[in-house]
Amino acid sequence: MTREALLEEVLRLPQRDRAEVAAEILASLDDSPAEDPAEIEKAWALEIELRARRALAGETSGASWGEVRRRIEGRLAR
């Protein structure tokens, strides 16, 4: 089967199936070893704790919801 024929077949799939195929293809391009989900969760927990400590200590300045919303809407409008 040619690349073009395969692409035509995949594009006929429902959106969810196409997304799953795309995710599998992208994952196959990553040469790095798979990370343990527990390690990823632990790293995020540490990052969240660090950010919370900085915010509570006044070391960082946050943004208002209005400002954040405007940024998001600006990005979505592009």
PDB file of N, CA and C in Angstrom:
ATOM      1  N   MET A   1       0.847  -1.172   0.000  1.00  0.00           N
ATOM      2  CA  MET A   1       0.000   0.000   0.000  1.00  0.00           C
ATOM      3  C   MET A   1       0.896   1.240   0.000  1.00  0.00           C
ATOM      4  N   THR A   2       0.549   2.202  -0.813  1.00  0.00           N
ATOM      5  CA  THR A   2       1.337   3.434  -0.879  1.00  0.00           C
ATOM      6  C   THR A   2       0.977   4.357   0.282  1.00  0.00           C
ATOM      7  N   ARG A   3       1.847   5.309   0.505  1.00  0.00           N
ATOM      8  CA  ARG A   3       1.592   6.293   1.557  1.00  0.00           C
ATOM      9  C   ARG A   3       0.301   7.052   1.274  1.00  0.00           C
ATOM     10  N   GLU A   4       0.094   7.411   0.015  1.00  0.00           N
ATOM     11  CA  GLU A   4      -1.105   8.156  -0.364  1.00  0.00           C
ATOM     12  C   GLU A   4      -2.366   7.340  -0.118  1.00  0.00           C
ATOM     13  N   ALA A   5      -2.329   6.058  -0.470  1.00  0.00           N
ATOM     14  CA  ALA A   5      -3.496   5.193  -0.261  1.00  0.00           C
ATOM     15  C   ALA A   5      -3.783   5.029   1.231  1.00  0.00           C
ATOM     16  N   LEU A   6      -2.723   4.858   2.001  1.00  0.00           N
ATOM     17  CA  LEU A   6      -2.893   4.723   3.445  1.00  0.00           C
ATOM     18  C   LEU A   6      -3.501   5.995   4.031  1.00  0.00           C
ATOM     19  N   LEU A   7      -2.995   7.142   3.599  1.00  0.00           N
ATOM     20  CA  LEU A   7      -3.517   8.414   4.081  1.00  0.00           C
ATOM     21  C   LEU A   7      -4.999   8.559   3.738  1.00  0.00           C
ATOM     22  N   GLU A   8      -5.382   8.192   2.533  1.00  0.00           N
ATOM     23  CA  GLU A   8      -6.793   8.260   2.142  1.00  0.00           C
ATOM     24  C   GLU A   8      -7.649   7.394   3.051  1.00  0.00           C
ATOM     25  N   GLU A   9      -7.172   6.195   3.364  1.00  0.00           N
ATOM     26  CA  GLU A   9      -7.908   5.287   4.251  1.00  0.00           C
ATOM     27  C   GLU A   9      -8.061   5.897   5.641  1.00  0.00           C
ATOM     28  N   VAL A  10      -6.968   6.412   6.165  1.00  0.00           N
ATOM     29  CA  VAL A  10      -6.996   6.981   7.515  1.00  0.00           C
ATOM     30  C   VAL A  10      -7.929   8.189   7.561  1.00  0.00           C
ATOM     31  N   LEU A  11      -7.912   9.018   6.544  1.00  0.00           N
ATOM     32  CA  LEU A  11      -8.754  10.213   6.532  1.00  0.00           C
ATOM     33  C   LEU A  11     -10.244   9.887   6.455  1.00  0.00           C
ATOM     34  N   ARG A  12     -10.587   8.666   6.076  1.00  0.00           N
ATOM     35  CA  ARG A  12     -11.994   8.247   6.054  1.00  0.00           C
ATOM     36  C   ARG A  12     -12.488   7.789   7.428  1.00  0.00           C
ATOM     37  N   LEU A  13     -11.571   7.618   8.360  1.00  0.00           N
ATOM     38  CA  LEU A  13     -11.952   7.184   9.705  1.00  0.00           C
ATOM     39  C   LEU A  13     -12.666   8.312  10.442  1.00  0.00           C
ATOM     40  N   PRO A  14     -13.462   7.961  11.450  1.00  0.00           N
ATOM     41  CA  PRO A  14     -14.066   9.001  12.289  1.00  0.00           C
ATOM     42  C   PRO A  14     -12.972   9.820  12.985  1.00  0.00           C
ATOM     43  N   GLN A  15     -13.314  11.021  13.379  1.00  0.00           N
ATOM     44  CA  GLN A  15     -12.336  11.942  13.962  1.00  0.00           C
ATOM     45  C   GLN A  15     -11.594  11.324  15.140  1.00  0.00           C
ATOM     46  N   ARG A  16     -12.302  10.666  16.027  1.00  0.00           N
ATOM     47  CA  ARG A  16     -11.656  10.082  17.211  1.00  0.00           C
ATOM     48  C   ARG A  16     -10.621   9.035  16.802  1.00  0.00           C
ATOM     49  N   ASP A  17     -10.962   8.195  15.831  1.00  0.00           N
ATOM     50  CA  ASP A  17     -10.019   7.175  15.363  1.00  0.00           C
ATOM     51  C   ASP A  17      -8.804   7.816  14.700  1.00  0.00           C
ATOM     52  N   ARG A  18      -9.040   8.887  13.926  1.00  0.00           N
ATOM     53  CA  ARG A  18      -7.913   9.584  13.298  1.00  0.00           C
ATOM     54  C   ARG A  18      -6.986  10.163  14.359  1.00  0.00           C
ATOM     55  N   ALA A  19      -7.570  10.710  15.420  1.00  0.00           N
ATOM     56  CA  ALA A  19      -6.757  11.273  16.501  1.00  0.00           C
ATOM     57  C   ALA A  19      -5.920  10.186  17.161  1.00  0.00           C
ATOM     58  N   GLU A  20      -6.506   9.013  17.363  1.00  0.00           N
ATOM     59  CA  GLU A  20      -5.762   7.915  17.978  1.00  0.00           C
ATOM     60  C   GLU A  20      -4.628   7.445  17.070  1.00  0.00           C
ATOM     61  N   VAL A  21      -4.898   7.350  15.776  1.00  0.00           N
ATOM     62  CA  VAL A  21      -3.853   6.959  14.824  1.00  0.00           C
ATOM     63  C   VAL A  21      -2.734   8.000  14.835  1.00  0.00           C
ATOM     64  N   ALA A  22      -3.113   9.271  14.821  1.00  0.00           N
ATOM     65  CA  ALA A  22      -2.108  10.343  14.841  1.00  0.00           C
ATOM     66  C   ALA A  22      -1.260  10.267  16.105  1.00  0.00           C
ATOM     67  N   ALA A  23      -1.893  10.017  17.242  1.00  0.00           N
ATOM     68  CA  ALA A  23      -1.147   9.919  18.503  1.00  0.00           C
ATOM     69  C   ALA A  23      -0.174   8.751  18.470  1.00  0.00           C
ATOM     70  N   GLU A  24      -0.601   7.628  17.921  1.00  0.00           N
ATOM     71  CA  GLU A  24       0.279   6.459  17.820  1.00  0.00           C
ATOM     72  C   GLU A  24       1.473   6.751  16.911  1.00  0.00           C
ATOM     73  N   ILE A  25       1.212   7.425  15.800  1.00  0.00           N
ATOM     74  CA  ILE A  25       2.297   7.755  14.872  1.00  0.00           C
ATOM     75  C   ILE A  25       3.283   8.711  15.540  1.00  0.00           C
ATOM     76  N   LEU A  26       2.765   9.740  16.201  1.00  0.00           N
ATOM     77  CA  LEU A  26       3.654  10.683  16.889  1.00  0.00           C
ATOM     78  C   LEU A  26       4.458   9.989  17.980  1.00  0.00           C
ATOM     79  N   ALA A  27       3.830   9.099  18.715  1.00  0.00           N
ATOM     80  CA  ALA A  27       4.545   8.373  19.770  1.00  0.00           C
ATOM     81  C   ALA A  27       5.650   7.513  19.180  1.00  0.00           C
ATOM     82  N   SER A  28       5.430   6.992  17.982  1.00  0.00           N
ATOM     83  CA  SER A  28       6.440   6.140  17.361  1.00  0.00           C
ATOM     84  C   SER A  28       7.673   6.932  16.933  1.00  0.00           C
ATOM     85  N   LEU A  29       7.545   8.247  16.811  1.00  0.00           N
ATOM     86  CA  LEU A  29       8.667   9.092  16.410  1.00  0.00           C
ATOM     87  C   LEU A  29       9.559   9.470  17.582  1.00  0.00           C
ATOM     88  N   ASP A  30       9.071   9.276  18.788  1.00  0.00           N
ATOM     89  CA  ASP A  30       9.814   9.641  19.993  1.00  0.00           C
ATOM     90  C   ASP A  30      10.771   8.517  20.354  1.00  0.00           C
ATOM     91  N   ASP A  31      12.067   8.801  20.292  1.00  0.00           N
ATOM     92  CA  ASP A  31      13.084   7.794  20.593  1.00  0.00           C
ATOM     93  C   ASP A  31      13.385   7.675  22.080  1.00  0.00           C
ATOM     94  N   SER A  32      12.880   8.616  22.877  1.00  0.00           N
ATOM     95  CA  SER A  32      13.181   8.562  24.304  1.00  0.00           C
ATOM     96  C   SER A  32      12.358   7.460  24.966  1.00  0.00           C
ATOM     97  N   PRO A  33      12.883   6.889  26.035  1.00  0.00           N
ATOM     98  CA  PRO A  33      12.143   5.823  26.713  1.00  0.00           C
ATOM     99  C   PRO A  33      10.858   6.365  27.336  1.00  0.00           C
ATOM    100  N   ALA A  34       9.851   5.518  27.406  1.00  0.00           N
ATOM    101  CA  ALA A  34       8.576   5.917  27.991  1.00  0.00           C
ATOM    102  C   ALA A  34       8.768   6.243  29.471  1.00  0.00           C
ATOM    103  N   GLU A  35       8.116   7.302  29.909  1.00  0.00           N
ATOM    104  CA  GLU A  35       8.240   7.702  31.301  1.00  0.00           C
ATOM    105  C   GLU A  35       7.149   7.045  32.134  1.00  0.00           C
ATOM    106  N   ASP A  36       7.489   6.745  33.355  1.00  0.00           N
ATOM    107  CA  ASP A  36       6.559   6.138  34.292  1.00  0.00           C
ATOM    108  C   ASP A  36       5.517   7.184  34.699  1.00  0.00           C
ATOM    109  N   PRO A  37       4.217   6.899  34.513  1.00  0.00           N
ATOM    110  CA  PRO A  37       3.185   7.871  34.885  1.00  0.00           C
ATOM    111  C   PRO A  37       3.282   8.314  36.346  1.00  0.00           C
ATOM    112  N   ALA A  38       3.695   7.420  37.234  1.00  0.00           N
ATOM    113  CA  ALA A  38       3.832   7.782  38.648  1.00  0.00           C
ATOM    114  C   ALA A  38       4.932   8.828  38.828  1.00  0.00           C
ATOM    115  N   GLU A  39       6.012   8.701  38.057  1.00  0.00           N
ATOM    116  CA  GLU A  39       7.095   9.682  38.135  1.00  0.00           C
ATOM    117  C   GLU A  39       6.646  11.038  37.591  1.00  0.00           C
ATOM    118  N   ILE A  40       5.868  11.009  36.539  1.00  0.00           N
ATOM    119  CA  ILE A  40       5.350  12.258  35.968  1.00  0.00           C
ATOM    120  C   ILE A  40       4.439  12.948  36.978  1.00  0.00           C
ATOM    121  N   GLU A  41       3.556  12.170  37.604  1.00  0.00           N
ATOM    122  CA  GLU A  41       2.650  12.732  38.606  1.00  0.00           C
ATOM    123  C   GLU A  41       3.433  13.319  39.781  1.00  0.00           C
ATOM    124  N   LYS A  42       4.468  12.617  40.213  1.00  0.00           N
ATOM    125  CA  LYS A  42       5.304  13.096  41.319  1.00  0.00           C
ATOM    126  C   LYS A  42       5.982  14.419  40.945  1.00  0.00           C
ATOM    127  N   ALA A  43       6.503  14.489  39.720  1.00  0.00           N
ATOM    128  CA  ALA A  43       7.167  15.714  39.265  1.00  0.00           C
ATOM    129  C   ALA A  43       6.185  16.880  39.225  1.00  0.00           C
ATOM    130  N   TRP A  44       4.956  16.636  38.755  1.00  0.00           N
ATOM    131  CA  TRP A  44       3.958  17.702  38.718  1.00  0.00           C
ATOM    132  C   TRP A  44       3.585  18.145  40.123  1.00  0.00           C
ATOM    133  N   ALA A  45       3.454  17.192  41.043  1.00  0.00           N
ATOM    134  CA  ALA A  45       3.120  17.542  42.427  1.00  0.00           C
ATOM    135  C   ALA A  45       4.199  18.442  43.022  1.00  0.00           C
ATOM    136  N   LEU A  46       5.454  18.117  42.758  1.00  0.00           N
ATOM    137  CA  LEU A  46       6.556  18.944  43.253  1.00  0.00           C
ATOM    138  C   LEU A  46       6.530  20.338  42.631  1.00  0.00           C
ATOM    139  N   GLU A  47       6.252  20.398  41.333  1.00  0.00           N
ATOM    140  CA  GLU A  47       6.188  21.689  40.645  1.00  0.00           C
ATOM    141  C   GLU A  47       5.051  22.543  41.197  1.00  0.00           C
ATOM    142  N   ILE A  48       3.897  21.924  41.417  1.00  0.00           N
ATOM    143  CA  ILE A  48       2.748  22.659  41.963  1.00  0.00           C
ATOM    144  C   ILE A  48       3.072  23.185  43.356  1.00  0.00           C
ATOM    145  N   GLU A  49       3.698  22.341  44.171  1.00  0.00           N
ATOM    146  CA  GLU A  49       4.076  22.769  45.522  1.00  0.00           C
ATOM    147  C   GLU A  49       5.048  23.949  45.467  1.00  0.00           C
ATOM    148  N   LEU A  50       6.037  23.871  44.586  1.00  0.00           N
ATOM    149  CA  LEU A  50       7.007  24.955  44.443  1.00  0.00           C
ATOM    150  C   LEU A  50       6.320  26.252  44.027  1.00  0.00           C
ATOM    151  N   ARG A  51       5.435  26.162  43.056  1.00  0.00           N
ATOM    152  CA  ARG A  51       4.737  27.364  42.590  1.00  0.00           C
ATOM    153  C   ARG A  51       3.842  27.943  43.682  1.00  0.00           C
ATOM    154  N   ALA A  52       3.169  27.073  44.419  1.00  0.00           N
ATOM    155  CA  ALA A  52       2.299  27.547  45.500  1.00  0.00           C
ATOM    156  C   ALA A  52       3.118  28.250  46.576  1.00  0.00           C
ATOM    157  N   ARG A  53       4.253  27.670  46.946  1.00  0.00           N
ATOM    158  CA  ARG A  53       5.113  28.294  47.965  1.00  0.00           C
ATOM    159  C   ARG A  53       5.588  29.673  47.507  1.00  0.00           C
ATOM    160  N   ARG A  54       5.985  29.770  46.240  1.00  0.00           N
ATOM    161  CA  ARG A  54       6.446  31.061  45.710  1.00  0.00           C
ATOM    162  C   ARG A  54       5.318  32.092  45.715  1.00  0.00           C
ATOM    163  N   ALA A  55       4.122  31.650  45.337  1.00  0.00           N
ATOM    164  CA  ALA A  55       2.982  32.569  45.310  1.00  0.00           C
ATOM    165  C   ALA A  55       2.638  33.039  46.715  1.00  0.00           C
ATOM    166  N   LEU A  56       2.602  32.120  47.668  1.00  0.00           N
ATOM    167  CA  LEU A  56       2.269  32.479  49.046  1.00  0.00           C
ATOM    168  C   LEU A  56       3.330  33.369  49.680  1.00  0.00           C
ATOM    169  N   ALA A  57       4.572  33.212  49.251  1.00  0.00           N
ATOM    170  CA  ALA A  57       5.660  34.033  49.786  1.00  0.00           C
ATOM    171  C   ALA A  57       5.754  35.379  49.081  1.00  0.00           C
ATOM    172  N   GLY A  58       4.920  35.595  48.073  1.00  0.00           N
ATOM    173  CA  GLY A  58       4.942  36.856  47.341  1.00  0.00           C
ATOM    174  C   GLY A  58       6.111  36.976  46.386  1.00  0.00           C
ATOM    175  N   GLU A  59       6.725  35.855  46.043  1.00  0.00           N
ATOM    176  CA  GLU A  59       7.892  35.878  45.157  1.00  0.00           C
ATOM    177  C   GLU A  59       7.511  35.973  43.684  1.00  0.00           C
ATOM    178  N   THR A  60       6.261  35.717  43.384  1.00  0.00           N
ATOM    179  CA  THR A  60       5.804  35.800  41.999  1.00  0.00           C
ATOM    180  C   THR A  60       4.570  36.676  41.942  1.00  0.00           C
ATOM    181  N   SER A  61       4.346  37.262  40.796  1.00  0.00           N
ATOM    182  CA  SER A  61       3.130  38.052  40.622  1.00  0.00           C
ATOM    183  C   SER A  61       2.191  37.264  39.730  1.00  0.00           C
ATOM    184  N   GLY A  62       0.986  37.147  40.167  1.00  0.00           N
ATOM    185  CA  GLY A  62      -0.005  36.420  39.382  1.00  0.00           C
ATOM    186  C   GLY A  62      -0.676  37.352  38.398  1.00  0.00           C
ATOM    187  N   ALA A  63      -1.574  36.787  37.638  1.00  0.00           N
ATOM    188  CA  ALA A  63      -2.339  37.573  36.680  1.00  0.00           C
ATOM    189  C   ALA A  63      -3.812  37.448  37.040  1.00  0.00           C
ATOM    190  N   SER A  64      -4.556  38.494  36.802  1.00  0.00           N
ATOM    191  CA  SER A  64      -5.991  38.457  37.078  1.00  0.00           C
ATOM    192  C   SER A  64      -6.674  37.543  36.069  1.00  0.00           C
ATOM    193  N   TRP A  65      -7.852  37.045  36.447  1.00  0.00           N
ATOM    194  CA  TRP A  65      -8.608  36.191  35.541  1.00  0.00           C
ATOM    195  C   TRP A  65      -8.900  36.941  34.245  1.00  0.00           C
ATOM    196  N   GLY A  66      -9.226  38.214  34.331  1.00  0.00           N
ATOM    197  CA  GLY A  66      -9.512  38.984  33.128  1.00  0.00           C
ATOM    198  C   GLY A  66      -8.326  39.027  32.183  1.00  0.00           C
ATOM    199  N   GLU A  67      -7.134  39.224  32.740  1.00  0.00           N
ATOM    200  CA  GLU A  67      -5.924  39.257  31.915  1.00  0.00           C
ATOM    201  C   GLU A  67      -5.666  37.900  31.273  1.00  0.00           C
ATOM    202  N   VAL A  68      -5.788  36.847  32.055  1.00  0.00           N
ATOM    203  CA  VAL A  68      -5.568  35.496  31.530  1.00  0.00           C
ATOM    204  C   VAL A  68      -6.587  35.186  30.441  1.00  0.00           C
ATOM    205  N   ARG A  69      -7.829  35.544  30.692  1.00  0.00           N
ATOM    206  CA  ARG A  69      -8.887  35.278  29.715  1.00  0.00           C
ATOM    207  C   ARG A  69      -8.614  36.013  28.400  1.00  0.00           C
ATOM    208  N   ARG A  70      -8.188  37.272  28.492  1.00  0.00           N
ATOM    209  CA  ARG A  70      -7.875  38.036  27.273  1.00  0.00           C
ATOM    210  C   ARG A  70      -6.752  37.368  26.480  1.00  0.00           C
ATOM    211  N   ARG A  71      -5.727  36.877  27.195  1.00  0.00           N
ATOM    212  CA  ARG A  71      -4.622  36.193  26.503  1.00  0.00           C
ATOM    213  C   ARG A  71      -5.112  34.931  25.798  1.00  0.00           C
ATOM    214  N   ILE A  72      -5.930  34.161  26.493  1.00  0.00           N
ATOM    215  CA  ILE A  72      -6.451  32.921  25.901  1.00  0.00           C
ATOM    216  C   ILE A  72      -7.302  33.237  24.682  1.00  0.00           C
ATOM    217  N   GLU A  73      -8.201  34.198  24.819  1.00  0.00           N
ATOM    218  CA  GLU A  73      -9.063  34.564  23.691  1.00  0.00           C
ATOM    219  C   GLU A  73      -8.247  35.085  22.518  1.00  0.00           C
ATOM    220  N   GLY A  74      -7.169  35.818  22.806  1.00  0.00           N
ATOM    221  CA  GLY A  74      -6.295  36.310  21.741  1.00  0.00           C
ATOM    222  C   GLY A  74      -5.632  35.173  20.990  1.00  0.00           C
ATOM    223  N   ARG A  75      -5.189  34.169  21.728  1.00  0.00           N
ATOM    224  CA  ARG A  75      -4.555  33.016  21.080  1.00  0.00           C
ATOM    225  C   ARG A  75      -5.562  32.221  20.260  1.00  0.00           C
ATOM    226  N   LEU A  76      -6.763  32.069  20.787  1.00  0.00           N
ATOM    227  CA  LEU A  76      -7.783  31.303  20.069  1.00  0.00           C
ATOM    228  C   LEU A  76      -8.263  32.027  18.816  1.00  0.00           C
ATOM    229  N   ALA A  77      -8.164  33.343  18.810  1.00  0.00           N
ATOM    230  CA  ALA A  77      -8.624  34.127  17.665  1.00  0.00           C
ATOM    231  C   ALA A  77      -7.673  34.046  16.477  1.00  0.00           C
ATOM    232  N   ARG A  78      -6.462  33.592  16.709  1.00  0.00           N
ATOM    233  CA  ARG A  78      -5.469  33.535  15.622  1.00  0.00           C
ATOM    234  C   ARG A  78      -5.804  32.495  14.607  1.00  0.00           C
TER     235      ARG A  78
END
